[in-house]
Amino acid sequence: MQILLHWLVAALVVVQYATSGAIVRTHAVHMIGQRQDPTDLLLHGLHLKLGLGLVALMVGRLALRLWIGAPMPGGTGSAWATCTARVVHAAFYAVLICEGLTGAIASYFWWPISLAHVIIFKILLALVTIHVAAVLWHALVLRDATLRRMSPQ
């Protein structure tokens, strides 16, 4: 279940990134009194709804992790690497939940928090970069089973 949720969240993050430009375009056009593009309005709505769904998935993942525990580390890393992985994973939970919450607040209650939403997104990009670098390190340098462990069975 944790592997499935991991990949579902990863796919939704990609969709959120792909639809984020529609948010900027619809607000920019609205501010100058022009009509919004119907496709951008659709993507804007998709971004909002999937963002809320992403928060729900992350809360579900967190609950599952607390209920049944986190998978054991692969065993090929040092204590430093294991600690770093735990910190990065905890940061992913915090950042993705905060990203969704600030997006919802910006959309439905208080637009100025959208600046925090953008900053949190940049932190998310940094975490994704670290995560992908670690995956590549495990796959290409350590040649351990980490990537296979995260692949759907």
C-alpha atoms as a PDB file:
ATOM      1  CA  MET A   1       0.000   0.000   0.000  1.00  0.00           C
ATOM      2  CA  GLN A   2       2.814   2.417   0.855  1.00  0.00           C
ATOM      3  CA  ILE A   3       4.467   1.832  -2.522  1.00  0.00           C
ATOM      4  CA  LEU A   4       1.201   2.452  -4.368  1.00  0.00           C
ATOM      5  CA  LEU A   5       0.575   5.661  -2.399  1.00  0.00           C
ATOM      6  CA  HIS A   6       4.162   6.805  -3.037  1.00  0.00           C
ATOM      7  CA  TRP A   7       3.748   6.538  -6.809  1.00  0.00           C
ATOM      8  CA  LEU A   8       0.248   8.016  -6.759  1.00  0.00           C
ATOM      9  CA  VAL A   9       1.551  11.049  -4.845  1.00  0.00           C
ATOM     10  CA  ALA A  10       4.512  11.329  -7.233  1.00  0.00           C
ATOM     11  CA  ALA A  11       2.166  11.300 -10.239  1.00  0.00           C
ATOM     12  CA  LEU A  12      -0.091  13.911  -8.645  1.00  0.00           C
ATOM     13  CA  VAL A  13       2.889  16.165  -7.915  1.00  0.00           C
ATOM     14  CA  VAL A  14       3.789  16.014 -11.622  1.00  0.00           C
ATOM     15  CA  VAL A  15       0.194  16.876 -12.576  1.00  0.00           C
ATOM     16  CA  GLN A  16       0.183  19.735 -10.061  1.00  0.00           C
ATOM     17  CA  TYR A  17       3.365  21.110 -11.597  1.00  0.00           C
ATOM     18  CA  ALA A  18       1.949  20.761 -15.113  1.00  0.00           C
ATOM     19  CA  THR A  19      -1.285  22.566 -14.226  1.00  0.00           C
ATOM     20  CA  SER A  20       0.243  25.319 -12.080  1.00  0.00           C
ATOM     21  CA  GLY A  21       0.758  27.673 -15.026  1.00  0.00           C
ATOM     22  CA  ALA A  22      -3.005  27.845 -15.500  1.00  0.00           C
ATOM     23  CA  ILE A  23      -3.343  29.366 -12.031  1.00  0.00           C
ATOM     24  CA  VAL A  24      -1.002  32.218 -12.952  1.00  0.00           C
ATOM     25  CA  ARG A  25      -2.626  32.772 -16.344  1.00  0.00           C
ATOM     26  CA  THR A  26      -6.217  32.813 -15.086  1.00  0.00           C
ATOM     27  CA  HIS A  27      -5.396  35.264 -12.311  1.00  0.00           C
ATOM     28  CA  ALA A  28      -3.317  37.529 -14.561  1.00  0.00           C
ATOM     29  CA  VAL A  29      -6.052  37.729 -17.206  1.00  0.00           C
ATOM     30  CA  HIS A  30      -8.749  38.262 -14.566  1.00  0.00           C
ATOM     31  CA  MET A  31      -6.769  41.133 -12.981  1.00  0.00           C
ATOM     32  CA  ILE A  32      -6.749  43.082 -16.261  1.00  0.00           C
ATOM     33  CA  GLY A  33     -10.421  42.402 -16.906  1.00  0.00           C
ATOM     34  CA  GLN A  34     -10.078  39.970 -19.773  1.00  0.00           C
ATOM     35  CA  ARG A  35     -11.882  36.681 -20.187  1.00  0.00           C
ATOM     36  CA  GLN A  36     -10.065  33.557 -18.988  1.00  0.00           C
ATOM     37  CA  ASP A  37      -9.282  30.776 -21.410  1.00  0.00           C
ATOM     38  CA  PRO A  38     -11.678  27.815 -20.877  1.00  0.00           C
ATOM     39  CA  THR A  39      -8.802  25.331 -20.920  1.00  0.00           C
ATOM     40  CA  ASP A  40      -6.953  27.341 -18.280  1.00  0.00           C
ATOM     41  CA  LEU A  41     -10.107  27.457 -16.159  1.00  0.00           C
ATOM     42  CA  LEU A  42     -10.397  23.667 -16.437  1.00  0.00           C
ATOM     43  CA  LEU A  43      -6.725  23.203 -15.508  1.00  0.00           C
ATOM     44  CA  HIS A  44      -7.135  25.711 -12.658  1.00  0.00           C
ATOM     45  CA  GLY A  45     -10.034  23.687 -11.234  1.00  0.00           C
ATOM     46  CA  LEU A  46      -8.122  20.443 -11.711  1.00  0.00           C
ATOM     47  CA  HIS A  47      -5.128  21.905  -9.875  1.00  0.00           C
ATOM     48  CA  LEU A  48      -7.308  22.966  -6.939  1.00  0.00           C
ATOM     49  CA  LYS A  49      -9.190  19.682  -6.606  1.00  0.00           C
ATOM     50  CA  LEU A  50      -6.156  17.450  -7.068  1.00  0.00           C
ATOM     51  CA  GLY A  51      -4.233  19.604  -4.585  1.00  0.00           C
ATOM     52  CA  LEU A  52      -6.887  18.912  -1.968  1.00  0.00           C
ATOM     53  CA  GLY A  53      -6.770  15.226  -2.903  1.00  0.00           C
ATOM     54  CA  LEU A  54      -2.994  15.275  -2.530  1.00  0.00           C
ATOM     55  CA  VAL A  55      -3.300  16.643   1.013  1.00  0.00           C
ATOM     56  CA  ALA A  56      -5.780  13.873   1.831  1.00  0.00           C
ATOM     57  CA  LEU A  57      -3.406  11.246   0.403  1.00  0.00           C
ATOM     58  CA  MET A  58      -0.482  12.633   2.389  1.00  0.00           C
ATOM     59  CA  VAL A  59      -2.494  12.608   5.618  1.00  0.00           C
ATOM     60  CA  GLY A  60      -3.497   9.025   4.763  1.00  0.00           C
ATOM     61  CA  ARG A  61       0.125   8.101   4.096  1.00  0.00           C
ATOM     62  CA  LEU A  62       1.166   9.648   7.383  1.00  0.00           C
ATOM     63  CA  ALA A  63      -1.558   7.750   9.244  1.00  0.00           C
ATOM     64  CA  LEU A  64      -0.543   4.490   7.538  1.00  0.00           C
ATOM     65  CA  ARG A  65       3.098   5.124   8.359  1.00  0.00           C
ATOM     66  CA  LEU A  66       2.269   5.789  12.016  1.00  0.00           C
ATOM     67  CA  TRP A  67      -0.045   2.765  12.158  1.00  0.00           C
ATOM     68  CA  ILE A  68       2.136   0.086  10.527  1.00  0.00           C
ATOM     69  CA  GLY A  69       5.503   1.835  10.567  1.00  0.00           C
ATOM     70  CA  ALA A  70       7.965   2.847   7.908  1.00  0.00           C
ATOM     71  CA  PRO A  71       9.717   0.259   5.768  1.00  0.00           C
ATOM     72  CA  MET A  72      13.132  -0.728   7.080  1.00  0.00           C
ATOM     73  CA  PRO A  73      16.135   0.904   5.391  1.00  0.00           C
ATOM     74  CA  GLY A  74      17.783  -1.134   2.660  1.00  0.00           C
ATOM     75  CA  GLY A  75      20.785  -1.893   4.854  1.00  0.00           C
ATOM     76  CA  THR A  76      23.534  -0.759   2.486  1.00  0.00           C
ATOM     77  CA  GLY A  77      23.716   2.816   3.734  1.00  0.00           C
ATOM     78  CA  SER A  78      25.617   4.329   6.610  1.00  0.00           C
ATOM     79  CA  ALA A  79      23.995   5.664   9.763  1.00  0.00           C
ATOM     80  CA  TRP A  80      24.398   9.157   8.286  1.00  0.00           C
ATOM     81  CA  ALA A  81      22.601   8.123   5.081  1.00  0.00           C
ATOM     82  CA  THR A  82      19.777   6.471   7.026  1.00  0.00           C
ATOM     83  CA  CYS A  83      19.325   9.578   9.182  1.00  0.00           C
ATOM     84  CA  THR A  84      19.378  11.838   6.113  1.00  0.00           C
ATOM     85  CA  ALA A  85      16.774   9.664   4.392  1.00  0.00           C
ATOM     86  CA  ARG A  86      14.499   9.880   7.421  1.00  0.00           C
ATOM     87  CA  VAL A  87      14.839  13.675   7.559  1.00  0.00           C
ATOM     88  CA  VAL A  88      14.137  14.040   3.822  1.00  0.00           C
ATOM     89  CA  HIS A  89      11.093  11.769   4.027  1.00  0.00           C
ATOM     90  CA  ALA A  90       9.721  13.660   7.037  1.00  0.00           C
ATOM     91  CA  ALA A  91      10.314  16.912   5.135  1.00  0.00           C
ATOM     92  CA  PHE A  92       8.336  15.517   2.174  1.00  0.00           C
ATOM     93  CA  TYR A  93       5.338  14.873   4.420  1.00  0.00           C
ATOM     94  CA  ALA A  94       5.511  18.334   5.991  1.00  0.00           C
ATOM     95  CA  VAL A  95       6.135  20.176   2.718  1.00  0.00           C
ATOM     96  CA  LEU A  96       3.438  18.388   0.709  1.00  0.00           C
ATOM     97  CA  ILE A  97       0.819  18.898   3.414  1.00  0.00           C
ATOM     98  CA  CYS A  98       1.794  22.563   3.890  1.00  0.00           C
ATOM     99  CA  GLU A  99       1.852  23.086   0.126  1.00  0.00           C
ATOM    100  CA  GLY A 100      -1.699  21.829  -0.205  1.00  0.00           C
ATOM    101  CA  LEU A 101      -2.956  23.750   2.808  1.00  0.00           C
ATOM    102  CA  THR A 102      -1.424  27.057   1.681  1.00  0.00           C
ATOM    103  CA  GLY A 103      -2.849  26.484  -1.803  1.00  0.00           C
ATOM    104  CA  ALA A 104      -6.317  25.895  -0.376  1.00  0.00           C
ATOM    105  CA  ILE A 105      -6.083  28.929   1.882  1.00  0.00           C
ATOM    106  CA  ALA A 106      -4.885  31.075  -1.041  1.00  0.00           C
ATOM    107  CA  SER A 107      -7.704  29.852  -3.272  1.00  0.00           C
ATOM    108  CA  TYR A 108     -10.596  29.960  -0.857  1.00  0.00           C
ATOM    109  CA  PHE A 109      -9.729  32.372   1.946  1.00  0.00           C
ATOM    110  CA  TRP A 110      -6.671  34.626   1.715  1.00  0.00           C
ATOM    111  CA  TRP A 111      -4.753  35.148  -1.545  1.00  0.00           C
ATOM    112  CA  PRO A 112      -1.593  36.743   0.005  1.00  0.00           C
ATOM    113  CA  ILE A 113      -0.537  33.348   1.400  1.00  0.00           C
ATOM    114  CA  SER A 114       0.079  32.287  -2.201  1.00  0.00           C
ATOM    115  CA  LEU A 115       3.629  33.655  -1.788  1.00  0.00           C
ATOM    116  CA  ALA A 116       4.233  31.006   0.904  1.00  0.00           C
ATOM    117  CA  HIS A 117       2.714  28.433  -1.487  1.00  0.00           C
ATOM    118  CA  VAL A 118       5.315  29.363  -4.125  1.00  0.00           C
ATOM    119  CA  ILE A 119       8.201  29.274  -1.631  1.00  0.00           C
ATOM    120  CA  ILE A 120       7.105  25.875  -0.312  1.00  0.00           C
ATOM    121  CA  PHE A 121       6.959  24.631  -3.905  1.00  0.00           C
ATOM    122  CA  LYS A 122      10.606  25.635  -4.384  1.00  0.00           C
ATOM    123  CA  ILE A 123      11.477  23.682  -1.242  1.00  0.00           C
ATOM    124  CA  LEU A 124       9.565  20.733  -2.719  1.00  0.00           C
ATOM    125  CA  LEU A 125      11.650  20.959  -5.910  1.00  0.00           C
ATOM    126  CA  ALA A 126      14.819  20.854  -3.801  1.00  0.00           C
ATOM    127  CA  LEU A 127      13.542  17.775  -1.952  1.00  0.00           C
ATOM    128  CA  VAL A 128      12.639  16.060  -5.222  1.00  0.00           C
ATOM    129  CA  THR A 129      16.139  16.794  -6.531  1.00  0.00           C
ATOM    130  CA  ILE A 130      17.722  15.290  -3.403  1.00  0.00           C
ATOM    131  CA  HIS A 131      15.362  12.297  -3.615  1.00  0.00           C
ATOM    132  CA  VAL A 132      16.112  11.600  -7.287  1.00  0.00           C
ATOM    133  CA  ALA A 133      19.858  12.013  -6.665  1.00  0.00           C
ATOM    134  CA  ALA A 134      19.613   9.452  -3.845  1.00  0.00           C
ATOM    135  CA  VAL A 135      17.694   7.050  -6.096  1.00  0.00           C
ATOM    136  CA  LEU A 136      20.369   7.370  -8.770  1.00  0.00           C
ATOM    137  CA  TRP A 137      23.118   6.909  -6.154  1.00  0.00           C
ATOM    138  CA  HIS A 138      21.469   3.704  -4.930  1.00  0.00           C
ATOM    139  CA  ALA A 139      20.853   2.406  -8.455  1.00  0.00           C
ATOM    140  CA  LEU A 140      24.101   3.358 -10.183  1.00  0.00           C
ATOM    141  CA  VAL A 141      26.749   3.525  -7.453  1.00  0.00           C
ATOM    142  CA  LEU A 142      25.642   1.310  -4.589  1.00  0.00           C
ATOM    143  CA  ARG A 143      23.726  -1.032  -6.910  1.00  0.00           C
ATOM    144  CA  ASP A 144      21.492  -2.107  -4.058  1.00  0.00           C
ATOM    145  CA  ALA A 145      17.836  -3.150  -4.026  1.00  0.00           C
ATOM    146  CA  THR A 146      16.379   0.228  -3.014  1.00  0.00           C
ATOM    147  CA  LEU A 147      14.818   0.997  -6.386  1.00  0.00           C
ATOM    148  CA  ARG A 148      13.512  -2.557  -6.795  1.00  0.00           C
ATOM    149  CA  ARG A 149      11.929  -2.311  -3.333  1.00  0.00           C
ATOM    150  CA  MET A 150       9.953   0.769  -4.493  1.00  0.00           C
ATOM    151  CA  SER A 151       8.859  -0.753  -7.793  1.00  0.00           C
ATOM    152  CA  PRO A 152       5.309  -2.091  -8.020  1.00  0.00           C
ATOM    153  CA  GLN A 153       5.419  -5.852  -7.562  1.00  0.00           C
END
